[in-house]
Amino acid sequence: MKIKLILSFILLVNLLSAQTSKIEFTLTQADYLYHFAYECIDQEYPNKLNQVLGNDSYLAPPRQLHPAFYGCFDWHSSVHGHWTLVKILTCFPDFEHSNEIIEKLKKNITAENILKEVAYFDDEHNKTYERTYGWAWLLKLDEALRTWNHPVASELQSNLNPLTELLSGKFNEFLDKLIYPIRIGEHSNIAFGMSFAYDWAKKYDTHLAEKIEAKALEYYQNDCDCPLTWEPGGFDFLSPCLQEASVMLKVLPQKEFEKWLRTFLRGIEKHPAKYIEIAEVTDRSDGKLAHLDGLNFSRAWCLYEMGYALKNQKLIDLADAHFNYSFEKMDSGEYAGAHWLASFAVYALIKSSAKN
């Protein structure tokens, strides 16, 4: 009997250890992906400003309006371009191009530049600028700087801090006013914003973390039968259903999440591929249609989170399939703006190895 128990234990350990992704974040991948972010964070044009003009004085080049984050086509892409570079150096401290990356980070994230960014967000006409997608990525950048073990990291984080504090406060205020969740598959999806902000807040802002926990329960606790088969929308780069599950996984205790998931996404644990098909992209030169590659990456990171938490290999395998489909297309030369996809790919790669 004792031998049988030992053998059963060994079998169980082997089964649990088999819950893993076939994808790894390698130095070769990092070297490939860093180019997208490195080359875009100081590429000023083309640029989509998305600003509200108060008068003629608002008409200025991106580098003057946003001296820290003026590249990569739009503000939020510049922010997560910086995040991408920091995370690559965090994962690979001896990265070949580390010195060049650090010089660019030091040039952009200065105390003076960040105070100008703060002034922009304080402007009466642009107080909601980048709400909440850009805000969430800015908090991710701050989190990355705080966890990067390098002498320059604390200097950069200190410089960034006034903007971090401003946007975390704005996030808090907005959640107080937002009665109904925003469930779309693009930037303003509130589950995505809360999920990223919660990662930061549970370490550095207890009040915001508690607010996100309360609002997630208010918005989502009674949800059921999320229509996964309705996804994706044509321009989606986020899955409304999976982003909601992602934030609930973070705020609910494990057993409560498992119970909630059984009614929210019925059948997802046993037959995920029945409900989620890899998004097909027909024209990668169209920036909006190329969003669907971003969807594959963001789905992947949500599926990795759930797969590891639930020890469910089917979810992990489906995450791998989503990642592989779009990652293999990134060097096709068809993309209108692959710089932002690199950030999504890096995040998916980090999640692929972040076993709970």
Foldseek 3Di string as FASTA:
>chain_A
DVVVVVVVVVVVVVLLVPLAFPFADDLVLLVVLLCQLLVWQPAQPPADEPFDDPDPVVDDGQCQQQVQRRTQRYRLLSLLSLVSLLVSCQVPVVRPCNVVNLVSLPRRLALVNLVSNVVNCVDPRNVCPLPPQSLLSLLSSLVSLVNRPDPCSVVSNVSNVVVNVSSLVVVLVVLVVDQEADQAQDRNRVLQSLLSVLVNCVVPPVVSNVSSLVSLCNHPQPAFDDQLQVDDDQQGLAHSLLSSLSSCCVNDPLVSSVVSCCGHPPPCLPCVCVRDDQDDADAQLDQRNVSSLSNLLNQLLSLLVVCLSVVGNVSSVSSNVSLVVSVVCLPVPRHNRCSSVSSSSSSSNVSSHPHD
